[in-house]
Amino acid sequence: MYEDFHARDRFTGEDLHCTWKGTVVAIATRHADATDIRFAVNGRPVWIAMPNEAWVQQKAKNGHVITDYLAAQAAGHYLKSIIETGYDNGREMYTMSIDEVLQHVDQVVREAGHTSKLPQLPLVDSDSHPAELDFALPGEPHKIPLSE
């Protein structure tokens, strides 16, 4: 879906390869009440800041939570939309409004059909073994202890 995608810049026609790189709660890093989702856009870092209040409003709206996977997908959906509509102007950080977060979350869930169908993160080459990456993926029944 939106953890690794291509978008065409509206004005230049350039093909931009966007890849999710990480999620950081910005309270500690920049003293903001937000969660920052980092992407690489043709290698250039781009951060999408999502206000944490959106998590509260999503839960109040329908009783469902915004998971880490869903937040990354919604931020990617937003990033793709700003690139394709010409809103992307090369900034390193974009801040979504609460309403934008809720809108993009709804669109991603509709597109996926259910949150259980969202791709798992982190992105890992299917030929790689977790021990080679110096970590074990969460929730995998065949976790390899790092002390081997």
N, C-alpha and C. Protein backbone atom coordinates (compact mmCIF):
# COMPACT_ATOMS: atom_id res chain seq x y z
N MET A 1 0.82 -1.18 0.00
CA MET A 1 0.00 0.00 0.00
C MET A 1 0.87 1.25 0.00
N TYR A 2 0.98 1.92 1.16
CA TYR A 2 1.67 3.21 1.18
C TYR A 2 2.94 3.21 2.02
N GLU A 3 3.53 2.03 2.22
CA GLU A 3 4.83 1.96 2.89
C GLU A 3 5.96 1.99 1.87
N ASP A 4 5.62 1.71 0.61
CA ASP A 4 6.60 1.72 -0.48
C ASP A 4 5.81 1.92 -1.77
N PHE A 5 5.85 3.13 -2.31
CA PHE A 5 5.00 3.43 -3.46
C PHE A 5 5.67 4.47 -4.36
N HIS A 6 5.11 4.64 -5.52
CA HIS A 6 5.56 5.67 -6.46
C HIS A 6 4.44 6.68 -6.65
N ALA A 7 4.82 7.94 -6.82
CA ALA A 7 3.86 9.01 -7.11
C ALA A 7 4.49 9.92 -8.16
N ARG A 8 3.67 10.44 -9.00
CA ARG A 8 4.15 11.34 -10.06
C ARG A 8 3.89 12.78 -9.64
N ASP A 9 4.97 13.57 -9.58
CA ASP A 9 4.85 14.99 -9.23
C ASP A 9 3.96 15.69 -10.25
N ARG A 10 2.97 16.40 -9.76
CA ARG A 10 1.98 17.04 -10.64
C ARG A 10 2.61 18.04 -11.61
N PHE A 11 3.60 18.78 -11.15
CA PHE A 11 4.13 19.85 -11.98
C PHE A 11 5.34 19.43 -12.82
N THR A 12 6.20 18.59 -12.27
CA THR A 12 7.41 18.21 -13.01
C THR A 12 7.25 16.91 -13.78
N GLY A 13 6.25 16.09 -13.38
CA GLY A 13 6.07 14.79 -14.00
C GLY A 13 7.08 13.76 -13.52
N GLU A 14 7.94 14.16 -12.57
CA GLU A 14 8.97 13.26 -12.06
C GLU A 14 8.34 12.11 -11.27
N ASP A 15 8.87 10.91 -11.47
CA ASP A 15 8.43 9.75 -10.71
C ASP A 15 9.17 9.76 -9.38
N LEU A 16 8.43 9.79 -8.28
CA LEU A 16 9.03 9.84 -6.95
C LEU A 16 8.79 8.52 -6.23
N HIS A 17 9.87 7.90 -5.80
CA HIS A 17 9.77 6.64 -5.06
C HIS A 17 9.77 6.98 -3.58
N CYS A 18 8.68 6.62 -2.90
CA CYS A 18 8.49 6.95 -1.49
C CYS A 18 8.53 5.67 -0.66
N THR A 19 9.35 5.67 0.37
CA THR A 19 9.52 4.49 1.22
C THR A 19 9.45 4.90 2.68
N TRP A 20 8.60 4.20 3.44
CA TRP A 20 8.49 4.42 4.88
C TRP A 20 9.82 4.04 5.53
N LYS A 21 10.29 4.90 6.44
CA LYS A 21 11.56 4.65 7.12
C LYS A 21 11.41 4.52 8.62
N GLY A 22 10.38 5.12 9.20
CA GLY A 22 10.24 5.00 10.64
C GLY A 22 9.14 5.87 11.20
N THR A 23 8.80 5.59 12.44
CA THR A 23 7.77 6.32 13.16
C THR A 23 8.35 6.74 14.51
N VAL A 24 8.20 8.02 14.85
CA VAL A 24 8.76 8.56 16.08
C VAL A 24 7.69 9.37 16.79
N VAL A 25 7.52 9.11 18.08
CA VAL A 25 6.63 9.96 18.87
C VAL A 25 7.39 11.24 19.15
N ALA A 26 6.88 12.34 18.64
CA ALA A 26 7.63 13.61 18.65
C ALA A 26 7.61 14.32 19.99
N ILE A 27 6.88 13.81 20.96
CA ILE A 27 6.86 14.45 22.28
C ILE A 27 8.28 14.53 22.83
N ALA A 28 9.01 13.44 22.70
CA ALA A 28 10.37 13.40 23.23
C ALA A 28 11.38 14.06 22.29
N THR A 29 11.20 13.91 20.99
CA THR A 29 12.23 14.37 20.07
C THR A 29 12.17 15.87 19.78
N ARG A 30 10.97 16.40 19.66
CA ARG A 30 10.88 17.84 19.37
C ARG A 30 9.84 18.55 20.21
N HIS A 31 9.45 17.89 21.31
CA HIS A 31 8.52 18.47 22.28
C HIS A 31 7.21 18.91 21.62
N ALA A 32 6.73 18.07 20.72
CA ALA A 32 5.49 18.34 20.02
C ALA A 32 4.48 17.26 20.38
N ASP A 33 3.23 17.61 20.39
CA ASP A 33 2.17 16.64 20.66
C ASP A 33 1.78 15.99 19.34
N ALA A 34 2.72 15.23 18.79
CA ALA A 34 2.52 14.65 17.47
C ALA A 34 3.30 13.36 17.34
N THR A 35 2.95 12.61 16.33
CA THR A 35 3.71 11.43 15.93
C THR A 35 4.24 11.71 14.53
N ASP A 36 5.53 11.56 14.36
CA ASP A 36 6.17 11.86 13.08
C ASP A 36 6.44 10.56 12.33
N ILE A 37 6.03 10.55 11.07
CA ILE A 37 6.25 9.40 10.21
C ILE A 37 7.27 9.83 9.16
N ARG A 38 8.39 9.11 9.09
CA ARG A 38 9.46 9.48 8.15
C ARG A 38 9.41 8.63 6.90
N PHE A 39 9.55 9.29 5.77
CA PHE A 39 9.65 8.65 4.47
C PHE A 39 10.92 9.12 3.79
N ALA A 40 11.41 8.32 2.87
CA ALA A 40 12.45 8.76 1.95
C ALA A 40 11.75 8.93 0.61
N VAL A 41 11.89 10.11 0.03
CA VAL A 41 11.29 10.41 -1.27
C VAL A 41 12.44 10.62 -2.25
N ASN A 42 12.67 9.59 -3.08
CA ASN A 42 13.87 9.57 -3.93
C ASN A 42 15.11 9.86 -3.11
N GLY A 43 15.14 9.29 -1.90
CA GLY A 43 16.28 9.44 -1.01
C GLY A 43 16.23 10.65 -0.11
N ARG A 44 15.36 11.60 -0.38
CA ARG A 44 15.24 12.83 0.42
C ARG A 44 14.33 12.57 1.63
N PRO A 45 14.76 12.94 2.85
CA PRO A 45 13.90 12.71 4.02
C PRO A 45 12.68 13.64 4.02
N VAL A 46 11.52 13.06 4.27
CA VAL A 46 10.28 13.82 4.39
C VAL A 46 9.54 13.28 5.61
N TRP A 47 9.15 14.18 6.49
CA TRP A 47 8.44 13.82 7.71
C TRP A 47 6.98 14.28 7.61
N ILE A 48 6.08 13.42 8.02
CA ILE A 48 4.67 13.76 8.09
C ILE A 48 4.31 13.77 9.58
N ALA A 49 3.97 14.94 10.12
CA ALA A 49 3.61 15.08 11.53
C ALA A 49 2.10 14.91 11.67
N MET A 50 1.72 13.99 12.54
CA MET A 50 0.30 13.69 12.77
C MET A 50 -0.02 14.03 14.23
N PRO A 51 -0.97 14.96 14.47
CA PRO A 51 -1.27 15.34 15.86
C PRO A 51 -1.82 14.16 16.66
N ASN A 52 -1.28 13.97 17.87
CA ASN A 52 -1.72 12.86 18.71
C ASN A 52 -3.20 12.94 19.09
N GLU A 53 -3.76 14.12 19.08
CA GLU A 53 -5.18 14.28 19.38
C GLU A 53 -6.05 13.48 18.40
N ALA A 54 -5.54 13.23 17.20
CA ALA A 54 -6.30 12.44 16.22
C ALA A 54 -6.54 11.03 16.74
N TRP A 55 -5.60 10.47 17.50
CA TRP A 55 -5.78 9.13 18.07
C TRP A 55 -6.96 9.14 19.04
N VAL A 56 -7.04 10.19 19.86
CA VAL A 56 -8.13 10.33 20.82
C VAL A 56 -9.46 10.48 20.09
N GLN A 57 -9.49 11.33 19.08
CA GLN A 57 -10.74 11.57 18.35
C GLN A 57 -11.18 10.33 17.55
N GLN A 58 -10.23 9.57 17.01
CA GLN A 58 -10.58 8.34 16.29
C GLN A 58 -11.25 7.35 17.25
N LYS A 59 -10.69 7.20 18.44
CA LYS A 59 -11.25 6.28 19.43
C LYS A 59 -12.65 6.73 19.85
N ALA A 60 -12.85 8.03 20.04
CA ALA A 60 -14.16 8.56 20.42
C ALA A 60 -15.17 8.44 19.28
N LYS A 61 -14.69 8.58 18.06
CA LYS A 61 -15.57 8.55 16.88
C LYS A 61 -16.18 7.18 16.65
N ASN A 62 -15.34 6.13 16.72
CA ASN A 62 -15.87 4.81 16.36
C ASN A 62 -15.36 3.66 17.24
N GLY A 63 -14.64 4.00 18.30
CA GLY A 63 -14.16 2.96 19.20
C GLY A 63 -12.93 2.21 18.71
N HIS A 64 -12.43 2.56 17.53
CA HIS A 64 -11.26 1.90 16.97
C HIS A 64 -10.02 2.76 17.21
N VAL A 65 -8.87 2.10 17.24
CA VAL A 65 -7.62 2.83 17.48
C VAL A 65 -6.82 2.94 16.18
N ILE A 66 -5.96 3.92 16.15
CA ILE A 66 -5.02 4.07 15.05
C ILE A 66 -3.76 3.32 15.47
N THR A 67 -3.47 2.22 14.81
CA THR A 67 -2.27 1.44 15.12
C THR A 67 -1.06 2.09 14.46
N ASP A 68 0.11 1.61 14.83
CA ASP A 68 1.34 2.11 14.18
C ASP A 68 1.29 1.86 12.68
N TYR A 69 0.84 0.66 12.30
CA TYR A 69 0.76 0.31 10.87
C TYR A 69 -0.21 1.24 10.15
N LEU A 70 -1.36 1.49 10.78
CA LEU A 70 -2.36 2.36 10.16
C LEU A 70 -1.86 3.79 10.05
N ALA A 71 -1.16 4.27 11.07
CA ALA A 71 -0.61 5.63 11.03
C ALA A 71 0.38 5.77 9.88
N ALA A 72 1.24 4.79 9.70
CA ALA A 72 2.22 4.84 8.61
C ALA A 72 1.52 4.83 7.26
N GLN A 73 0.50 4.00 7.12
CA GLN A 73 -0.24 3.93 5.85
C GLN A 73 -0.99 5.25 5.58
N ALA A 74 -1.61 5.82 6.61
CA ALA A 74 -2.35 7.08 6.44
C ALA A 74 -1.39 8.21 6.08
N ALA A 75 -0.21 8.24 6.71
CA ALA A 75 0.78 9.26 6.37
C ALA A 75 1.27 9.08 4.93
N GLY A 76 1.47 7.84 4.51
CA GLY A 76 1.88 7.58 3.13
C GLY A 76 0.79 7.98 2.14
N HIS A 77 -0.46 7.71 2.49
CA HIS A 77 -1.59 8.10 1.65
C HIS A 77 -1.63 9.62 1.51
N TYR A 78 -1.41 10.32 2.62
CA TYR A 78 -1.37 11.78 2.60
C TYR A 78 -0.22 12.27 1.73
N LEU A 79 0.97 11.67 1.92
CA LEU A 79 2.14 12.07 1.15
C LEU A 79 1.89 11.90 -0.35
N LYS A 80 1.33 10.77 -0.72
CA LYS A 80 1.04 10.53 -2.13
C LYS A 80 0.07 11.59 -2.66
N SER A 81 -0.94 11.92 -1.86
CA SER A 81 -1.93 12.90 -2.31
C SER A 81 -1.32 14.29 -2.48
N ILE A 82 -0.41 14.69 -1.58
CA ILE A 82 0.17 16.04 -1.73
C ILE A 82 1.13 16.10 -2.91
N ILE A 83 1.78 14.99 -3.20
CA ILE A 83 2.67 14.96 -4.37
C ILE A 83 1.86 15.06 -5.65
N GLU A 84 0.81 14.26 -5.73
CA GLU A 84 0.02 14.20 -6.97
C GLU A 84 -0.86 15.42 -7.20
N THR A 85 -1.18 16.17 -6.14
CA THR A 85 -1.98 17.38 -6.31
C THR A 85 -1.13 18.64 -6.43
N GLY A 86 0.19 18.49 -6.26
CA GLY A 86 1.08 19.63 -6.41
C GLY A 86 1.32 20.40 -5.12
N TYR A 87 0.83 19.89 -4.00
CA TYR A 87 1.04 20.58 -2.73
C TYR A 87 2.47 20.41 -2.22
N ASP A 88 3.11 19.30 -2.57
CA ASP A 88 4.49 19.06 -2.14
C ASP A 88 5.40 20.10 -2.78
N ASN A 89 6.10 20.83 -1.95
CA ASN A 89 7.01 21.85 -2.49
C ASN A 89 8.45 21.61 -2.05
N GLY A 90 8.75 20.36 -1.66
CA GLY A 90 10.12 20.04 -1.30
C GLY A 90 10.47 20.27 0.15
N ARG A 91 9.48 20.62 0.98
CA ARG A 91 9.78 20.79 2.40
C ARG A 91 10.17 19.46 3.02
N GLU A 92 10.83 19.53 4.16
CA GLU A 92 11.23 18.32 4.86
C GLU A 92 10.13 17.85 5.81
N MET A 93 9.24 18.74 6.24
CA MET A 93 8.18 18.35 7.19
C MET A 93 6.85 18.96 6.78
N TYR A 94 5.82 18.10 6.85
CA TYR A 94 4.44 18.52 6.61
C TYR A 94 3.63 18.14 7.83
N THR A 95 2.71 19.00 8.23
CA THR A 95 1.88 18.73 9.39
C THR A 95 0.44 18.55 8.95
N MET A 96 -0.11 17.39 9.30
CA MET A 96 -1.50 17.10 8.99
C MET A 96 -2.39 17.70 10.09
N SER A 97 -3.59 18.09 9.72
CA SER A 97 -4.57 18.51 10.72
C SER A 97 -5.23 17.25 11.28
N ILE A 98 -5.94 17.38 12.37
CA ILE A 98 -6.66 16.25 12.95
C ILE A 98 -7.66 15.70 11.93
N ASP A 99 -8.40 16.60 11.28
CA ASP A 99 -9.38 16.15 10.28
C ASP A 99 -8.71 15.42 9.12
N GLU A 100 -7.53 15.88 8.70
CA GLU A 100 -6.82 15.19 7.62
C GLU A 100 -6.40 13.80 8.06
N VAL A 101 -5.92 13.67 9.29
CA VAL A 101 -5.53 12.34 9.78
C VAL A 101 -6.74 11.41 9.74
N LEU A 102 -7.87 11.85 10.29
CA LEU A 102 -9.06 11.01 10.33
C LEU A 102 -9.54 10.66 8.93
N GLN A 103 -9.48 11.61 8.02
CA GLN A 103 -9.90 11.36 6.63
C GLN A 103 -9.00 10.32 5.97
N HIS A 104 -7.70 10.47 6.09
CA HIS A 104 -6.77 9.55 5.44
C HIS A 104 -6.80 8.17 6.10
N VAL A 105 -7.01 8.11 7.41
CA VAL A 105 -7.17 6.83 8.10
C VAL A 105 -8.40 6.11 7.53
N ASP A 106 -9.52 6.83 7.41
CA ASP A 106 -10.74 6.23 6.86
C ASP A 106 -10.52 5.72 5.44
N GLN A 107 -9.83 6.51 4.62
CA GLN A 107 -9.59 6.10 3.23
C GLN A 107 -8.71 4.86 3.15
N VAL A 108 -7.69 4.79 4.00
CA VAL A 108 -6.80 3.63 3.99
C VAL A 108 -7.56 2.37 4.44
N VAL A 109 -8.36 2.49 5.49
CA VAL A 109 -9.11 1.34 5.98
C VAL A 109 -10.11 0.88 4.92
N ARG A 110 -10.79 1.82 4.26
CA ARG A 110 -11.72 1.46 3.18
C ARG A 110 -10.99 0.73 2.06
N GLU A 111 -9.83 1.26 1.69
CA GLU A 111 -9.06 0.66 0.60
C GLU A 111 -8.55 -0.74 0.96
N ALA A 112 -8.09 -0.91 2.20
CA ALA A 112 -7.56 -2.20 2.64
C ALA A 112 -8.67 -3.21 2.93
N GLY A 113 -9.82 -2.71 3.35
CA GLY A 113 -10.92 -3.59 3.71
C GLY A 113 -10.99 -3.86 5.20
N HIS A 114 -9.85 -3.85 5.87
CA HIS A 114 -9.78 -4.08 7.32
C HIS A 114 -8.34 -3.83 7.76
N THR A 115 -8.16 -3.39 8.99
CA THR A 115 -6.81 -3.10 9.46
C THR A 115 -5.93 -4.35 9.51
N SER A 116 -6.53 -5.52 9.62
CA SER A 116 -5.72 -6.75 9.64
C SER A 116 -5.06 -7.02 8.29
N LYS A 117 -5.51 -6.33 7.25
CA LYS A 117 -4.95 -6.53 5.91
C LYS A 117 -3.84 -5.53 5.58
N LEU A 118 -3.50 -4.67 6.54
CA LEU A 118 -2.43 -3.69 6.31
C LEU A 118 -1.08 -4.39 6.33
N PRO A 119 -0.15 -3.94 5.50
CA PRO A 119 1.20 -4.53 5.51
C PRO A 119 1.87 -4.32 6.87
N GLN A 120 2.66 -5.28 7.28
CA GLN A 120 3.39 -5.17 8.53
C GLN A 120 4.67 -4.40 8.30
N LEU A 121 5.06 -3.66 9.29
CA LEU A 121 6.30 -2.90 9.23
C LEU A 121 7.19 -3.39 10.36
N PRO A 122 8.49 -3.37 10.27
CA PRO A 122 9.30 -2.71 9.27
C PRO A 122 9.36 -3.50 7.97
N LEU A 123 9.75 -2.77 6.91
CA LEU A 123 9.96 -3.40 5.62
C LEU A 123 11.22 -4.24 5.71
N VAL A 124 11.10 -5.49 5.38
CA VAL A 124 12.25 -6.38 5.44
C VAL A 124 12.28 -7.19 4.17
N ASP A 125 13.45 -7.32 3.60
CA ASP A 125 13.62 -8.15 2.41
C ASP A 125 13.20 -9.57 2.76
N SER A 126 12.32 -10.17 1.97
CA SER A 126 11.81 -11.49 2.28
C SER A 126 12.91 -12.56 2.28
N ASP A 127 14.05 -12.27 1.68
CA ASP A 127 15.16 -13.22 1.68
C ASP A 127 16.07 -13.06 2.90
N SER A 128 15.83 -12.01 3.70
CA SER A 128 16.67 -11.76 4.87
C SER A 128 16.14 -12.55 6.06
N HIS A 129 17.03 -12.88 6.95
CA HIS A 129 16.69 -13.56 8.18
C HIS A 129 16.83 -12.54 9.31
N PRO A 130 15.87 -12.49 10.28
CA PRO A 130 15.96 -11.48 11.34
C PRO A 130 17.30 -11.44 12.05
N ALA A 131 17.94 -12.59 12.25
CA ALA A 131 19.23 -12.59 12.94
C ALA A 131 20.28 -11.81 12.15
N GLU A 132 20.16 -11.80 10.82
CA GLU A 132 21.10 -11.04 10.00
C GLU A 132 20.90 -9.55 10.17
N LEU A 133 19.69 -9.16 10.58
CA LEU A 133 19.37 -7.75 10.70
C LEU A 133 19.60 -7.23 12.12
N ASP A 134 20.07 -8.09 13.02
CA ASP A 134 20.37 -7.74 14.41
C ASP A 134 19.13 -7.38 15.20
N PHE A 135 17.98 -7.96 14.84
CA PHE A 135 16.76 -7.81 15.63
C PHE A 135 15.79 -8.91 15.23
N ALA A 136 14.80 -9.14 16.06
CA ALA A 136 13.75 -10.10 15.75
C ALA A 136 12.47 -9.33 15.48
N LEU A 137 11.72 -9.75 14.51
CA LEU A 137 10.48 -9.08 14.20
C LEU A 137 9.43 -9.41 15.25
N PRO A 138 8.66 -8.42 15.71
CA PRO A 138 7.66 -8.69 16.75
C PRO A 138 6.55 -9.59 16.23
N GLY A 139 6.09 -10.48 17.10
CA GLY A 139 4.94 -11.31 16.77
C GLY A 139 5.25 -12.51 15.91
N GLU A 140 6.52 -12.76 15.60
CA GLU A 140 6.83 -13.91 14.77
C GLU A 140 6.99 -15.14 15.66
N PRO A 141 6.28 -16.22 15.35
CA PRO A 141 6.35 -17.41 16.19
C PRO A 141 7.72 -18.08 16.15
N HIS A 142 8.51 -17.81 15.16
CA HIS A 142 9.81 -18.47 15.02
C HIS A 142 10.97 -17.50 15.33
N LYS A 143 10.77 -16.63 16.32
CA LYS A 143 11.83 -15.68 16.68
C LYS A 143 13.13 -16.41 17.00
N ILE A 144 14.18 -15.83 16.56
CA ILE A 144 15.52 -16.37 16.83
C ILE A 144 16.15 -15.51 17.92
N PRO A 145 16.57 -16.10 19.03
CA PRO A 145 17.22 -15.29 20.08
C PRO A 145 18.47 -14.62 19.52
N LEU A 146 18.70 -13.37 19.89
CA LEU A 146 19.85 -12.64 19.38
C LEU A 146 21.15 -13.13 19.98
N SER A 147 21.09 -13.93 21.03
CA SER A 147 22.32 -14.39 21.70
C SER A 147 22.95 -15.61 21.03
N GLU A 148 22.34 -16.14 19.98
CA GLU A 148 22.91 -17.31 19.31
C GLU A 148 24.21 -17.01 18.62
